[in-house]
Structures are given as C-alpha cells and as structure tokens.
C-alpha cells in the first residue's frame, strides 16, 4: 500500500471551525466541505505546505501553527493509498482579513463543533473533527496551544527530553530523561525501572522523574520535549484524562509544576528524542541483565 503525507488546519472562531466547499476533485469530496489543506509536494515540509494551502486557497496567512495530532486515513476512492494526515491548530496573522477562495472552492463556512456528522462534510473532516469533539476541545483551548509553547533561552532555563517505554504494553517498563542547559549541553540524565506498566504510564513517569530532578538541581524555568502527543496535550489541559491509572501520576506532576516559575510542553517526533529513548532502553537492558544474573 502506498502512503502519502497530507496536512489539515483547524482554525476556530467562537467554537466554530473553518471549512471550505470543494468545487472540483473526485466524487467523494466534490461539493462537500473540508478542513483547509492537502497533500505535500515532493520534499516539502508540512508547515510550508500548510502555509501554501491557506494562502493559495483561502487568501490568509498563518500567525502560529501547532501540531495537534496525526491520523491515518484510507480514501474510499482509492484504497491502495493510505494518507498520513498531520493536523495543526492554526491562528491567523490577521483574523479580520476576509476569506478569498481559489477556484478549488466555491464557498466557506464556520461550522459549529457540535455539527460534525453532516452529509455535506468529507469523511476525513468528520474523522478529524470527531477527535476534536471527543476530547471536548473548546475555542479558547485551541487558541491557547501555540501560546503555551513560548521558548526561553536564558541561562536559567533548561530543556528536558523525556521518554517512557514498555516491552509488552503492559510489560517491563522504564522512564528516562535528559536535561540540557541553554547552550544545549547535557547537564543531567537518568532512568528509572518502573515494573510492569503501560507505555502511557511510562511516558508520564518520564516527565515526573525529569521534573523532580530539575527541581532538585534548583531550576525553575523549563521546557519539556516529549514524543507522546497524548501526554503533551493532557499536560496542557487540552485532552481530558480518561485513564484512571494516569490520574495519580498526572496529579503528582501538577503538584511539582507549582514549584516552577515557567514550564511548557511540546511534542517532538520520536527520531528527535533519541537521547531520552536511549536512557529508557539502557535502564530496561540493565534490569534484564540484573534479573538474569540473579536467576543464574
């Protein structure tokens, strides 16, 4: 099966989201409303594609764009292609600027979040807005996402990469962290074996041990980089905590956060979180060797 990359933008206004009506295209989307966006050109970065589509198709410019989620989708018209869709929360540079549609679209509207299952909305748009509706995101929380990602490069600020992993999910698990100073030098790293837990629990424990160590070292301003979108959005207050097993860890982190002057969380792709991932695997391997030596 072939795979193609695509981007879509969630732009909100008073709990309504901007959708555009297709004036051309295949049968499954023609005449239906969809979120702005489209396929990436060869070698194009997702953020560049997002800016291109919003400028060319809607005549607007991006102020901020924050990765919200990534979903996979198979189109009914071509089941040999799987789309990997990167969904961004977007704020506009000039919200008062009028929408100017290209020839690809004939109409636009601001659709209420509660009206996602409409016959004139594409399946992909229903899927994405269904995620938004399920997590009960409001207009204000959507707009606040980018604002929470303010970076601080002062000498008192640190960056903390965290990760957690379970070999079995649930299975033997560990959490790890790596702390970098403002010059991007590693100043502390560590890992903790957790016993039998799930991946999500381990991801949360990575944040906990990283935060505890940072506070122990005397730092009050920190920026976390985490490769779990779920953990990032739950810590930002965008997603609700539905898994009861995560509540105690989440509350522990919230209590520790009260000791911070400034703290933020952002998502990074797994390939950019190799340092923390390495601490997780190092900790799991060390425990496995220790267990083997005891059994021998």
Protein backbone atom coordinates (compact mmCIF):
# COMPACT_ATOMS: atom_id res chain seq x y z
CA UNK A 1 0.00 0.00 0.00
CA UNK A 2 1.31 3.43 -0.94
CA UNK A 3 1.45 6.18 1.67
CA UNK A 4 1.10 9.91 1.14
CA UNK A 5 1.51 12.80 3.54
CA UNK A 6 -1.15 15.45 3.96
CA UNK A 7 -1.80 18.45 6.21
CA UNK A 8 -5.03 19.94 7.55
CA UNK A 9 -5.69 23.11 9.54
CA UNK A 10 -8.09 23.62 12.44
CA UNK A 11 -8.96 27.34 12.54
CA UNK A 12 -11.58 28.26 15.12
CA UNK A 13 -13.82 31.22 15.83
CA UNK A 14 -16.33 31.21 18.70
CA UNK A 15 -16.41 27.41 18.91
CA UNK A 16 -16.80 27.12 15.15
CA UNK A 17 -14.24 25.75 12.72
CA UNK A 18 -13.46 26.97 9.20
CA UNK A 19 -14.39 24.53 6.40
CA UNK A 20 -14.28 25.04 2.63
CA UNK A 21 -16.62 23.58 -0.03
CA UNK A 22 -14.88 21.71 -2.85
CA UNK A 23 -15.59 22.99 -6.37
CA UNK A 24 -13.56 20.22 -8.03
CA UNK A 25 -11.98 16.86 -7.27
CA UNK A 26 -13.03 13.23 -7.02
CA UNK A 27 -16.62 12.17 -6.34
CA UNK A 28 -16.17 11.59 -2.59
CA UNK A 29 -15.17 15.21 -1.94
CA UNK A 30 -16.80 17.21 -4.76
CA UNK A 31 -19.41 19.57 -3.32
CA UNK A 32 -18.51 18.67 0.25
CA UNK A 33 -16.93 20.81 2.96
CA UNK A 34 -13.45 20.03 4.27
CA UNK A 35 -10.74 21.46 6.50
CA UNK A 36 -8.17 23.57 4.61
CA UNK A 37 -5.07 21.70 3.48
CA UNK A 38 -3.93 18.99 1.11
CA UNK A 39 -1.10 16.71 0.03
CA UNK A 40 2.56 17.61 0.45
CA UNK A 41 4.64 18.22 -2.63
CA UNK A 42 7.83 16.18 -3.03
CA UNK A 43 10.43 17.35 -0.49
CA UNK A 44 8.04 19.89 1.06
CA UNK A 45 7.92 20.41 4.82
CA UNK A 46 4.47 20.07 6.46
CA UNK A 47 4.45 23.64 7.82
CA UNK A 48 5.39 25.02 4.39
CA UNK A 49 2.58 23.04 2.76
CA UNK A 50 0.14 24.34 5.36
CA UNK A 51 1.11 27.95 4.64
CA UNK A 52 0.87 27.33 0.90
CA UNK A 53 -2.64 25.88 1.03
CA UNK A 54 -4.01 28.54 3.36
CA UNK A 55 -2.55 31.34 1.27
CA UNK A 56 -3.50 29.92 -2.13
CA UNK A 57 -6.94 28.50 -1.29
CA UNK A 58 -8.22 30.89 1.39
CA UNK A 59 -6.09 34.02 0.99
CA UNK A 60 -4.99 34.03 4.65
CA UNK A 61 -1.61 33.97 6.40
CA UNK A 62 -0.56 31.90 9.41
CA UNK A 63 0.43 33.55 12.68
CA UNK A 64 1.07 30.34 14.62
CA UNK A 65 0.74 26.64 13.78
CA UNK A 66 1.00 23.93 16.41
CA UNK A 67 0.92 20.22 15.63
CA UNK A 68 -2.22 18.82 17.26
CA UNK A 69 -2.46 15.22 16.11
CA UNK A 70 -1.57 12.78 13.35
CA UNK A 71 -4.12 10.38 11.90
CA UNK A 72 -4.12 7.77 9.15
CA UNK A 73 -6.88 7.63 6.57
CA UNK A 74 -7.75 5.45 3.56
CA UNK A 75 -9.87 7.15 0.91
CA UNK A 76 -12.93 5.29 -0.39
CA UNK A 77 -12.00 6.22 -3.97
CA UNK A 78 -8.52 4.70 -3.79
CA UNK A 79 -7.99 2.01 -1.16
CA UNK A 80 -4.43 1.41 -2.33
CA UNK A 81 -3.30 4.69 -0.75
CA UNK A 82 -3.03 5.39 2.96
CA UNK A 83 -2.83 9.05 3.94
CA UNK A 84 -0.86 10.12 6.98
CA UNK A 85 -2.55 13.38 7.92
CA UNK A 86 -0.81 15.91 10.15
CA UNK A 87 -3.38 18.12 11.84
CA UNK A 88 -2.41 21.60 13.02
CA UNK A 89 -4.12 24.14 15.23
CA UNK A 90 -3.70 27.42 13.39
CA UNK A 91 -4.18 31.05 14.35
CA UNK A 92 -4.28 33.64 11.60
CA UNK A 93 -1.96 36.62 11.26
CA UNK A 94 -4.93 38.92 10.64
CA UNK A 95 -8.21 37.38 11.81
CA UNK A 96 -10.18 40.28 10.33
CA UNK A 97 -8.82 39.57 6.85
CA UNK A 98 -11.64 38.33 4.55
CA UNK A 99 -11.51 34.79 3.18
CA UNK A 100 -10.65 34.79 -0.54
CA UNK A 101 -11.28 31.41 -2.12
CA UNK A 102 -9.36 29.92 -5.03
CA UNK A 103 -11.03 28.07 -7.89
CA UNK A 104 -10.74 24.86 -5.89
CA UNK A 105 -13.52 26.02 -3.57
CA UNK A 106 -16.92 27.63 -4.08
CA UNK A 107 -17.94 28.52 -0.54
CA UNK A 108 -16.77 28.60 3.07
CA UNK A 109 -18.49 28.49 6.42
CA UNK A 110 -17.75 28.46 10.12
CA UNK A 111 -19.16 25.13 11.25
CA UNK A 112 -20.19 24.53 14.89
CA UNK A 113 -18.16 21.77 16.57
CA UNK A 114 -21.40 20.00 17.50
CA UNK A 115 -22.41 19.59 13.83
CA UNK A 116 -19.61 17.33 12.63
CA UNK A 117 -21.75 14.48 11.26
CA UNK A 118 -23.17 16.32 8.28
CA UNK A 119 -23.88 14.76 4.89
CA UNK A 120 -22.02 17.57 3.13
CA UNK A 121 -18.74 17.12 5.07
CA UNK A 122 -15.93 14.88 3.79
CA UNK A 123 -15.14 11.68 5.68
CA UNK A 124 -11.66 12.90 6.59
CA UNK A 125 -13.03 16.13 8.03
CA UNK A 126 -15.60 14.20 10.05
CA UNK A 127 -12.81 11.97 11.37
CA UNK A 128 -10.63 14.90 12.46
CA UNK A 129 -13.45 16.96 13.96
CA UNK A 130 -14.71 13.82 15.67
CA UNK A 131 -11.40 13.65 17.55
CA UNK A 132 -11.76 17.30 18.49
CA UNK A 133 -15.33 16.78 19.67
CA UNK A 134 -14.47 13.61 21.59
CA UNK A 135 -11.74 15.37 23.53
CA UNK A 136 -14.08 18.31 24.21
CA UNK A 137 -11.71 20.97 22.93
CA UNK A 138 -13.06 24.49 23.15
CA UNK A 139 -12.24 27.51 21.04
CA UNK A 140 -10.15 29.02 23.84
CA UNK A 141 -8.07 25.88 24.47
CA UNK A 142 -7.39 25.52 20.78
CA UNK A 143 -6.17 29.12 20.57
CA UNK A 144 -4.02 28.73 23.67
CA UNK A 145 -1.94 25.81 22.40
CA UNK A 146 0.62 27.85 20.47
CA UNK A 147 0.86 30.41 23.28
CA UNK A 148 1.94 27.68 25.70
CA UNK A 149 4.97 26.84 23.58
CA UNK A 150 6.97 30.03 24.26
CA UNK A 151 10.67 29.18 24.35
CA UNK A 152 13.08 30.67 26.88
CA UNK A 153 16.79 30.76 26.03
CA UNK A 154 18.00 32.46 29.24
CA UNK A 155 20.77 30.91 31.32
CA UNK A 156 18.24 29.91 33.98
CA UNK A 157 16.12 27.94 31.52
CA UNK A 158 16.61 24.28 30.65
CA UNK A 159 15.25 21.83 28.10
CA UNK A 160 14.18 18.38 29.27
CA UNK A 161 13.71 15.49 26.86
CA UNK A 162 11.68 12.67 28.41
CA UNK A 163 10.51 9.27 27.27
CA UNK A 164 8.99 6.07 28.57
CA UNK A 165 8.60 2.61 27.15
CA UNK A 166 7.02 -0.74 27.86
CA UNK A 167 8.21 -4.01 26.38
CA UNK A 168 4.85 -5.66 26.04
CA UNK A 169 2.39 -2.83 26.83
CA UNK A 170 1.81 -3.71 29.56
CA UNK A 171 5.16 -5.22 30.33
CA UNK A 172 8.55 -4.39 31.86
CA UNK A 173 8.78 -0.60 31.65
CA UNK A 174 11.19 2.24 32.25
CA UNK A 175 11.29 6.01 32.06
CA UNK A 176 14.17 8.26 31.10
CA UNK A 177 15.14 11.91 30.86
CA UNK A 178 17.97 14.11 29.59
CA UNK A 179 18.39 17.72 30.73
CA UNK A 180 20.14 20.31 28.54
CA UNK A 181 21.19 23.82 29.53
CA UNK A 182 20.70 26.98 27.45
CA UNK A 183 23.81 26.07 25.41
CA UNK A 184 22.23 22.67 24.60
CA UNK A 185 24.81 20.84 26.71
CA UNK A 186 23.75 17.75 28.66
CA UNK A 187 23.90 18.54 32.38
CA UNK A 188 21.98 15.57 33.79
CA UNK A 189 20.39 12.34 32.64
CA UNK A 190 18.75 9.40 34.29
CA UNK A 191 16.36 6.50 34.12
CA UNK A 192 14.06 4.55 36.42
CA UNK A 193 12.78 1.00 36.16
CA UNK A 194 9.01 1.00 36.75
CA UNK A 195 8.00 -2.65 36.85
CA UNK A 196 5.01 -3.81 34.82
CA UNK A 197 3.14 -0.80 33.37
CA UNK A 198 1.81 0.53 30.06
CA UNK A 199 3.53 2.80 27.54
CA UNK A 200 1.38 5.78 28.55
CA UNK A 201 2.17 5.32 32.23
CA UNK A 202 5.87 5.10 31.40
CA UNK A 203 5.70 8.27 29.28
CA UNK A 204 4.16 10.13 32.21
CA UNK A 205 6.75 8.78 34.64
CA UNK A 206 9.46 10.13 32.35
CA UNK A 207 8.05 13.64 32.80
CA UNK A 208 7.81 13.08 36.57
CA UNK A 209 11.40 11.98 37.10
CA UNK A 210 12.71 14.70 34.76
CA UNK A 211 10.76 17.36 36.63
CA UNK A 212 11.81 16.05 40.03
CA UNK A 213 15.49 16.10 39.02
CA UNK A 214 15.25 19.61 37.53
CA UNK A 215 13.72 20.96 40.74
CA UNK A 216 16.34 19.10 42.79
CA UNK A 217 19.03 20.89 40.77
CA UNK A 218 17.40 24.22 41.53
CA UNK A 219 15.87 25.04 38.13
CA UNK A 220 12.51 26.82 37.97
CA UNK A 221 12.20 27.51 34.23
CA UNK A 222 12.00 24.53 31.92
CA UNK A 223 10.68 23.37 28.57
CA UNK A 224 9.76 19.70 28.11
CA UNK A 225 10.04 17.92 24.78
CA UNK A 226 8.02 14.70 24.63
CA UNK A 227 7.27 12.33 21.75
CA UNK A 228 3.85 11.33 23.12
CA UNK A 229 1.15 13.61 21.70
CA UNK A 230 -1.30 12.26 24.28
CA UNK A 231 0.88 13.23 27.24
CA UNK A 232 1.67 16.67 25.81
CA UNK A 233 -1.97 17.55 25.19
CA UNK A 234 -3.12 16.18 28.56
CA UNK A 235 -0.48 18.18 30.43
CA UNK A 236 -1.55 21.28 28.52
CA UNK A 237 -5.13 20.65 29.57
CA UNK A 238 -6.34 20.09 26.01
CA UNK A 239 -7.17 16.39 26.41
CA UNK A 240 -9.05 15.05 29.40
CA UNK A 241 -7.52 12.25 31.49
CA UNK A 242 -9.76 9.26 30.75
CA UNK A 243 -7.47 6.51 32.03
CA UNK A 244 -7.73 6.26 35.82
CA UNK A 245 -4.27 4.72 36.05
CA UNK A 246 -2.78 8.00 34.77
CA UNK A 247 -4.53 10.24 37.30
CA UNK A 248 -2.07 9.77 40.24
CA UNK A 249 0.97 10.42 38.04
CA UNK A 250 -0.70 13.40 36.40
CA UNK A 251 -1.61 14.89 39.81
CA UNK A 252 1.96 14.36 41.07
CA UNK A 253 3.29 16.28 38.07
CA UNK A 254 0.74 19.05 38.61
CA UNK A 255 1.88 19.43 42.22
CA UNK A 256 5.53 19.63 41.16
CA UNK A 257 4.66 22.21 38.50
CA UNK A 258 3.55 24.61 41.25
CA UNK A 259 7.21 24.98 42.22
CA UNK A 260 8.13 26.24 38.73
CA UNK A 261 8.27 29.84 37.56
CA UNK A 262 7.80 28.85 33.92
CA UNK A 263 7.10 25.46 32.38
CA UNK A 264 5.92 24.38 28.92
CA UNK A 265 5.43 21.17 26.97
CA UNK A 266 5.81 20.49 23.26
CA UNK A 267 5.69 17.46 21.01
CA UNK A 268 8.72 16.20 19.08
CA UNK A 269 8.96 13.36 16.60
CA UNK A 270 10.46 10.16 18.03
CA UNK A 271 13.56 10.48 15.85
CA UNK A 272 14.39 13.75 17.65
CA UNK A 273 14.07 12.17 21.09
CA UNK A 274 16.86 9.63 20.83
CA UNK A 275 18.69 10.78 23.97
CA UNK A 276 15.76 10.11 26.30
CA UNK A 277 14.81 6.96 24.38
CA UNK A 278 18.36 5.73 24.89
CA UNK A 279 18.02 6.19 28.66
CA UNK A 280 14.82 4.12 28.64
CA UNK A 281 16.44 1.23 26.77
CA UNK A 282 19.60 1.46 28.86
CA UNK A 283 17.52 1.15 32.03
CA UNK A 284 15.47 -1.77 30.69
CA UNK A 285 18.58 -3.60 29.49
CA UNK A 286 20.31 -3.10 32.86
CA UNK A 287 17.30 -4.53 34.70
CA UNK A 288 17.13 -7.50 32.33
CA UNK A 289 20.83 -8.27 32.94
CA UNK A 290 20.39 -7.94 36.69
CA UNK A 291 17.39 -10.28 36.65
CA UNK A 292 19.30 -12.81 34.54
CA UNK A 293 22.29 -12.79 36.92
CA UNK A 294 20.02 -13.39 39.89
CA UNK A 295 18.30 -16.33 38.19
CA UNK A 296 21.68 -17.85 37.30
